Amino acid sequence: MKQFFKGPLQNHSRNIMRHLGYAEQRTRNGQISYTKRASSDRFPRYHAYVEDRDQGMQINLHVDQKEASYSGTSAHAGEYEGPLVEREMHRFRQAFEQMKSRGTTPKPEQQEEKKGFWSTLFG
């Protein structure tokens, strides 16, 4: 399922995908995609290809039901439609609506600055 989200975006698509719980994945050819587990198991998982264009971002989403069956191939049981894909795309739409209403896009979580023992006591 493909969906285009109009920009301009205040943040890079990589950071938006990370904020939405997706991890970056690179193929052997260097192509970047994003994955997110749909359960506690490795599969099924959401798999998204993202393209930055026209100051917005296009998401091509499907669900990988299982790992590739044959070594050396990328063929897998993927769902490009259906309730899982529709529900996740709806979540994307809601997130982008919130970003537009706030006038911002999410920024990756900032790590809290670590303090040493003495600065904790006397800082």
N, C-alpha and C. Protein backbone atom coordinates (compact mmCIF):
# COMPACT_ATOMS: atom_id res chain seq x y z
N MET A 1 0.85 -1.17 0.00
CA MET A 1 0.00 0.00 0.00
C MET A 1 0.90 1.23 0.00
N LYS A 2 0.63 2.14 -0.93
CA LYS A 2 1.41 3.37 -1.02
C LYS A 2 0.59 4.55 -0.54
N GLN A 3 1.29 5.48 0.11
CA GLN A 3 0.64 6.72 0.58
C GLN A 3 1.68 7.84 0.51
N PHE A 4 1.27 8.99 -0.04
CA PHE A 4 2.14 10.16 -0.07
C PHE A 4 1.68 11.14 1.00
N PHE A 5 2.64 11.65 1.77
CA PHE A 5 2.36 12.63 2.80
C PHE A 5 3.00 13.95 2.40
N LYS A 6 2.17 14.97 2.22
CA LYS A 6 2.64 16.27 1.77
C LYS A 6 3.51 16.94 2.82
N GLY A 7 4.47 17.69 2.34
CA GLY A 7 5.36 18.44 3.21
C GLY A 7 4.94 19.89 3.26
N PRO A 8 5.81 20.77 3.61
CA PRO A 8 7.21 20.46 3.90
C PRO A 8 7.37 19.78 5.25
N LEU A 9 8.36 18.92 5.32
CA LEU A 9 8.66 18.21 6.56
C LEU A 9 9.73 18.97 7.32
N GLN A 10 9.56 19.06 8.61
CA GLN A 10 10.50 19.77 9.46
C GLN A 10 11.68 18.88 9.87
N ASN A 11 11.59 17.59 9.52
CA ASN A 11 12.62 16.65 9.93
C ASN A 11 12.86 15.67 8.79
N HIS A 12 13.98 14.99 8.84
CA HIS A 12 14.33 14.00 7.82
C HIS A 12 13.44 12.77 7.97
N SER A 13 13.11 12.14 6.86
CA SER A 13 12.23 10.97 6.89
C SER A 13 12.79 9.86 7.79
N ARG A 14 14.11 9.72 7.85
CA ARG A 14 14.73 8.70 8.72
C ARG A 14 14.32 8.94 10.17
N ASN A 15 14.34 10.19 10.61
CA ASN A 15 13.98 10.51 12.00
C ASN A 15 12.49 10.30 12.24
N ILE A 16 11.69 10.60 11.26
CA ILE A 16 10.24 10.38 11.39
C ILE A 16 9.96 8.89 11.55
N MET A 17 10.59 8.07 10.72
CA MET A 17 10.38 6.63 10.80
C MET A 17 10.87 6.08 12.14
N ARG A 18 11.98 6.56 12.63
CA ARG A 18 12.48 6.12 13.93
C ARG A 18 11.50 6.50 15.03
N HIS A 19 10.95 7.70 14.95
CA HIS A 19 9.98 8.14 15.94
C HIS A 19 8.74 7.24 15.94
N LEU A 20 8.39 6.71 14.78
CA LEU A 20 7.22 5.84 14.66
C LEU A 20 7.55 4.37 14.97
N GLY A 21 8.76 4.12 15.46
CA GLY A 21 9.11 2.78 15.92
C GLY A 21 9.78 1.88 14.91
N TYR A 22 10.23 2.43 13.79
CA TYR A 22 10.85 1.64 12.73
C TYR A 22 12.37 1.68 12.82
N ALA A 23 13.00 0.56 12.47
CA ALA A 23 14.46 0.47 12.43
C ALA A 23 14.91 0.46 10.98
N GLU A 24 16.04 1.11 10.74
CA GLU A 24 16.59 1.17 9.38
C GLU A 24 17.21 -0.18 9.03
N GLN A 25 17.02 -0.56 7.77
CA GLN A 25 17.58 -1.82 7.28
C GLN A 25 18.17 -1.56 5.91
N ARG A 26 19.38 -2.06 5.68
CA ARG A 26 20.03 -1.91 4.37
C ARG A 26 20.10 -3.27 3.68
N THR A 27 19.81 -3.27 2.38
CA THR A 27 19.94 -4.50 1.61
C THR A 27 21.39 -4.67 1.17
N ARG A 28 21.69 -5.78 0.57
CA ARG A 28 23.05 -6.01 0.07
C ARG A 28 23.42 -4.98 -1.00
N ASN A 29 22.42 -4.46 -1.69
CA ASN A 29 22.65 -3.46 -2.74
C ASN A 29 22.73 -2.05 -2.18
N GLY A 30 22.56 -1.90 -0.87
CA GLY A 30 22.65 -0.58 -0.25
C GLY A 30 21.33 0.18 -0.18
N GLN A 31 20.23 -0.44 -0.64
CA GLN A 31 18.93 0.22 -0.56
C GLN A 31 18.46 0.24 0.89
N ILE A 32 17.89 1.38 1.31
CA ILE A 32 17.43 1.53 2.69
C ILE A 32 15.93 1.31 2.76
N SER A 33 15.52 0.52 3.73
CA SER A 33 14.10 0.36 4.03
C SER A 33 13.96 0.37 5.54
N TYR A 34 12.74 0.26 6.03
CA TYR A 34 12.49 0.34 7.47
C TYR A 34 11.58 -0.81 7.88
N THR A 35 11.86 -1.39 9.04
CA THR A 35 11.05 -2.50 9.53
C THR A 35 10.62 -2.26 10.97
N LYS A 36 9.49 -2.86 11.30
CA LYS A 36 8.97 -2.80 12.66
C LYS A 36 8.24 -4.11 12.92
N ARG A 37 8.49 -4.72 14.04
CA ARG A 37 7.82 -5.98 14.37
C ARG A 37 6.35 -5.74 14.64
N ALA A 38 5.53 -6.65 14.17
CA ALA A 38 4.09 -6.58 14.43
C ALA A 38 3.73 -7.36 15.68
N SER A 39 4.67 -8.17 16.18
CA SER A 39 4.47 -8.94 17.41
C SER A 39 5.82 -9.11 18.07
N SER A 40 5.88 -9.92 19.11
CA SER A 40 7.15 -10.13 19.80
C SER A 40 8.09 -11.05 19.00
N ASP A 41 7.54 -11.78 18.03
CA ASP A 41 8.35 -12.65 17.18
C ASP A 41 9.00 -11.82 16.07
N ARG A 42 9.98 -12.40 15.40
CA ARG A 42 10.66 -11.69 14.31
C ARG A 42 9.71 -11.42 13.14
N PHE A 43 8.81 -12.34 12.87
CA PHE A 43 7.80 -12.19 11.82
C PHE A 43 6.44 -12.46 12.41
N PRO A 44 5.38 -11.87 11.96
CA PRO A 44 5.31 -10.90 10.87
C PRO A 44 5.91 -9.57 11.28
N ARG A 45 6.30 -8.79 10.28
CA ARG A 45 6.84 -7.46 10.53
C ARG A 45 6.38 -6.51 9.43
N TYR A 46 6.27 -5.24 9.81
CA TYR A 46 5.95 -4.21 8.83
C TYR A 46 7.24 -3.87 8.10
N HIS A 47 7.14 -3.64 6.81
CA HIS A 47 8.30 -3.32 5.99
C HIS A 47 7.93 -2.15 5.09
N ALA A 48 8.66 -1.04 5.23
CA ALA A 48 8.33 0.18 4.50
C ALA A 48 9.53 0.67 3.69
N TYR A 49 9.24 1.04 2.45
CA TYR A 49 10.21 1.75 1.61
C TYR A 49 9.76 3.20 1.59
N VAL A 50 10.70 4.10 1.83
CA VAL A 50 10.38 5.52 1.96
C VAL A 50 11.12 6.30 0.88
N GLU A 51 10.41 7.22 0.26
CA GLU A 51 11.01 8.07 -0.76
C GLU A 51 10.72 9.53 -0.43
N ASP A 52 11.78 10.33 -0.30
CA ASP A 52 11.62 11.77 -0.10
C ASP A 52 11.38 12.40 -1.46
N ARG A 53 10.27 13.13 -1.60
CA ARG A 53 10.01 13.81 -2.87
C ARG A 53 9.01 14.94 -2.67
N ASP A 54 9.13 15.97 -3.49
CA ASP A 54 8.21 17.11 -3.47
C ASP A 54 8.02 17.67 -2.07
N GLN A 55 9.08 17.74 -1.30
CA GLN A 55 9.10 18.24 0.08
C GLN A 55 8.26 17.39 1.03
N GLY A 56 7.83 16.23 0.58
CA GLY A 56 7.06 15.31 1.42
C GLY A 56 7.72 13.95 1.42
N MET A 57 6.94 12.95 1.74
CA MET A 57 7.51 11.60 1.77
C MET A 57 6.46 10.59 1.37
N GLN A 58 6.88 9.64 0.53
CA GLN A 58 6.00 8.56 0.10
C GLN A 58 6.41 7.29 0.83
N ILE A 59 5.42 6.61 1.37
CA ILE A 59 5.66 5.36 2.09
C ILE A 59 5.01 4.22 1.32
N ASN A 60 5.78 3.20 1.03
CA ASN A 60 5.28 1.98 0.39
C ASN A 60 5.38 0.89 1.44
N LEU A 61 4.24 0.49 1.99
CA LEU A 61 4.19 -0.40 3.16
C LEU A 61 3.61 -1.76 2.81
N HIS A 62 4.21 -2.79 3.38
CA HIS A 62 3.63 -4.12 3.31
C HIS A 62 4.01 -4.89 4.58
N VAL A 63 3.45 -6.07 4.75
CA VAL A 63 3.76 -6.92 5.90
C VAL A 63 4.47 -8.16 5.40
N ASP A 64 5.65 -8.40 5.94
CA ASP A 64 6.38 -9.65 5.67
C ASP A 64 5.85 -10.69 6.64
N GLN A 65 5.22 -11.74 6.12
CA GLN A 65 4.67 -12.78 6.99
C GLN A 65 5.73 -13.77 7.47
N LYS A 66 6.76 -13.96 6.63
CA LYS A 66 7.83 -14.89 7.01
C LYS A 66 9.10 -14.51 6.27
N GLU A 67 10.19 -15.12 6.69
CA GLU A 67 11.49 -14.88 6.05
C GLU A 67 11.50 -15.49 4.66
N ALA A 68 12.43 -15.03 3.81
CA ALA A 68 12.57 -15.59 2.46
C ALA A 68 12.72 -17.11 2.54
N SER A 69 12.04 -17.81 1.65
CA SER A 69 12.00 -19.28 1.70
C SER A 69 13.23 -19.94 1.10
N TYR A 70 13.83 -19.31 0.10
CA TYR A 70 14.94 -19.92 -0.60
C TYR A 70 16.18 -19.06 -0.45
N SER A 71 17.31 -19.71 -0.17
CA SER A 71 18.55 -18.94 0.00
C SER A 71 18.90 -18.24 -1.31
N GLY A 72 19.37 -17.03 -1.18
CA GLY A 72 19.77 -16.26 -2.36
C GLY A 72 18.64 -15.50 -3.03
N THR A 73 17.43 -15.60 -2.49
CA THR A 73 16.29 -14.87 -3.07
C THR A 73 15.71 -13.94 -2.02
N SER A 74 14.90 -13.00 -2.51
CA SER A 74 14.22 -12.10 -1.58
C SER A 74 12.73 -12.37 -1.55
N ALA A 75 12.30 -13.46 -2.19
CA ALA A 75 10.88 -13.79 -2.22
C ALA A 75 10.40 -14.16 -0.83
N HIS A 76 9.24 -13.63 -0.46
CA HIS A 76 8.67 -13.91 0.84
C HIS A 76 7.16 -13.79 0.76
N ALA A 77 6.48 -14.23 1.79
CA ALA A 77 5.03 -14.11 1.83
C ALA A 77 4.70 -12.71 2.34
N GLY A 78 4.42 -11.80 1.46
CA GLY A 78 4.14 -10.42 1.84
C GLY A 78 2.69 -10.05 1.57
N GLU A 79 2.12 -9.26 2.48
CA GLU A 79 0.75 -8.75 2.30
C GLU A 79 0.85 -7.26 1.99
N TYR A 80 0.29 -6.87 0.86
CA TYR A 80 0.32 -5.47 0.44
C TYR A 80 -1.02 -4.79 0.70
N GLU A 81 -2.00 -5.56 1.11
CA GLU A 81 -3.32 -5.06 1.49
C GLU A 81 -3.79 -5.87 2.69
N GLY A 82 -4.90 -5.46 3.26
CA GLY A 82 -5.46 -6.21 4.37
C GLY A 82 -5.46 -5.42 5.66
N PRO A 83 -6.07 -5.99 6.70
CA PRO A 83 -6.27 -5.26 7.95
C PRO A 83 -4.99 -4.78 8.62
N LEU A 84 -3.93 -5.61 8.64
CA LEU A 84 -2.68 -5.20 9.28
C LEU A 84 -2.08 -3.99 8.58
N VAL A 85 -2.02 -4.04 7.26
CA VAL A 85 -1.43 -2.95 6.48
C VAL A 85 -2.29 -1.69 6.62
N GLU A 86 -3.60 -1.85 6.53
CA GLU A 86 -4.50 -0.70 6.64
C GLU A 86 -4.41 -0.04 8.01
N ARG A 87 -4.33 -0.84 9.06
CA ARG A 87 -4.25 -0.30 10.41
C ARG A 87 -2.94 0.49 10.61
N GLU A 88 -1.85 -0.06 10.10
CA GLU A 88 -0.56 0.63 10.26
C GLU A 88 -0.52 1.91 9.42
N MET A 89 -1.09 1.88 8.22
CA MET A 89 -1.12 3.09 7.40
C MET A 89 -2.01 4.14 8.04
N HIS A 90 -3.07 3.71 8.71
CA HIS A 90 -3.92 4.65 9.45
C HIS A 90 -3.12 5.31 10.58
N ARG A 91 -2.25 4.56 11.23
CA ARG A 91 -1.39 5.10 12.28
C ARG A 91 -0.44 6.15 11.70
N PHE A 92 0.09 5.89 10.50
CA PHE A 92 0.93 6.89 9.82
C PHE A 92 0.13 8.17 9.56
N ARG A 93 -1.09 8.01 9.05
CA ARG A 93 -1.92 9.19 8.74
C ARG A 93 -2.18 10.02 9.99
N GLN A 94 -2.49 9.36 11.10
CA GLN A 94 -2.74 10.07 12.35
C GLN A 94 -1.48 10.81 12.81
N ALA A 95 -0.34 10.17 12.70
CA ALA A 95 0.92 10.80 13.13
C ALA A 95 1.20 12.04 12.28
N PHE A 96 0.98 11.95 10.97
CA PHE A 96 1.24 13.10 10.11
C PHE A 96 0.22 14.22 10.36
N GLU A 97 -1.01 13.87 10.67
CA GLU A 97 -2.01 14.89 11.00
C GLU A 97 -1.61 15.62 12.28
N GLN A 98 -1.12 14.89 13.26
CA GLN A 98 -0.65 15.52 14.51
C GLN A 98 0.54 16.43 14.24
N MET A 99 1.45 15.99 13.39
CA MET A 99 2.61 16.82 13.07
C MET A 99 2.19 18.13 12.42
N LYS A 100 1.24 18.03 11.49
CA LYS A 100 0.78 19.24 10.80
C LYS A 100 0.03 20.16 11.74
N SER A 101 -0.78 19.61 12.65
CA SER A 101 -1.53 20.46 13.57
C SER A 101 -0.60 21.18 14.55
N ARG A 102 0.52 20.52 14.91
CA ARG A 102 1.50 21.14 15.80
C ARG A 102 2.48 22.01 15.04
N GLY A 103 2.53 21.83 13.72
CA GLY A 103 3.48 22.58 12.91
C GLY A 103 4.90 22.07 13.00
N THR A 104 5.06 20.86 13.54
CA THR A 104 6.39 20.28 13.65
C THR A 104 6.33 18.82 13.27
N THR A 105 7.49 18.26 13.05
CA THR A 105 7.61 16.82 12.90
C THR A 105 8.46 16.33 14.06
N PRO A 106 8.30 15.08 14.44
CA PRO A 106 9.00 14.60 15.63
C PRO A 106 10.51 14.60 15.45
N LYS A 107 11.18 14.82 16.53
CA LYS A 107 12.64 14.74 16.56
C LYS A 107 12.99 13.47 17.32
N PRO A 108 14.13 12.85 16.97
CA PRO A 108 14.50 11.63 17.70
C PRO A 108 14.69 11.94 19.17
N GLU A 109 14.44 10.93 19.98
CA GLU A 109 14.57 11.10 21.42
C GLU A 109 15.98 11.55 21.78
N GLN A 110 16.07 12.53 22.65
CA GLN A 110 17.36 13.02 23.14
C GLN A 110 17.77 12.15 24.32
N GLN A 111 19.02 11.75 24.34
CA GLN A 111 19.51 11.00 25.49
C GLN A 111 19.79 11.98 26.62
N GLU A 112 19.44 11.57 27.81
CA GLU A 112 19.69 12.41 28.97
C GLU A 112 21.20 12.47 29.21
N GLU A 113 21.69 13.67 29.51
CA GLU A 113 23.12 13.84 29.76
C GLU A 113 23.50 13.06 31.00
N LYS A 114 24.54 12.24 30.88
CA LYS A 114 24.99 11.44 32.02
C LYS A 114 25.85 12.31 32.92
N LYS A 115 25.62 12.18 34.21
CA LYS A 115 26.39 12.92 35.19
C LYS A 115 27.21 11.94 36.01
N GLY A 116 28.37 12.39 36.40
CA GLY A 116 29.22 11.58 37.26
C GLY A 116 28.70 11.61 38.69
N PHE A 117 29.29 10.80 39.52
CA PHE A 117 28.89 10.69 40.91
C PHE A 117 28.97 12.02 41.63
N TRP A 118 30.12 12.74 41.51
CA TRP A 118 30.33 13.99 42.24
C TRP A 118 29.42 15.11 41.73
N SER A 119 29.18 15.17 40.44
CA SER A 119 28.31 16.23 39.93
C SER A 119 26.86 15.98 40.32
N THR A 120 26.50 14.71 40.54
CA THR A 120 25.17 14.39 41.03
C THR A 120 25.00 14.91 42.45
N LEU A 121 26.04 14.74 43.26
CA LEU A 121 25.97 15.21 44.65
C LEU A 121 26.07 16.72 44.78
N PHE A 122 26.96 17.32 43.99
CA PHE A 122 27.25 18.75 44.17
C PHE A 122 26.83 19.61 42.99
N GLY A 123 26.23 19.05 41.97
CA GLY A 123 25.88 19.80 40.76
C GLY A 123 24.57 20.41 40.86
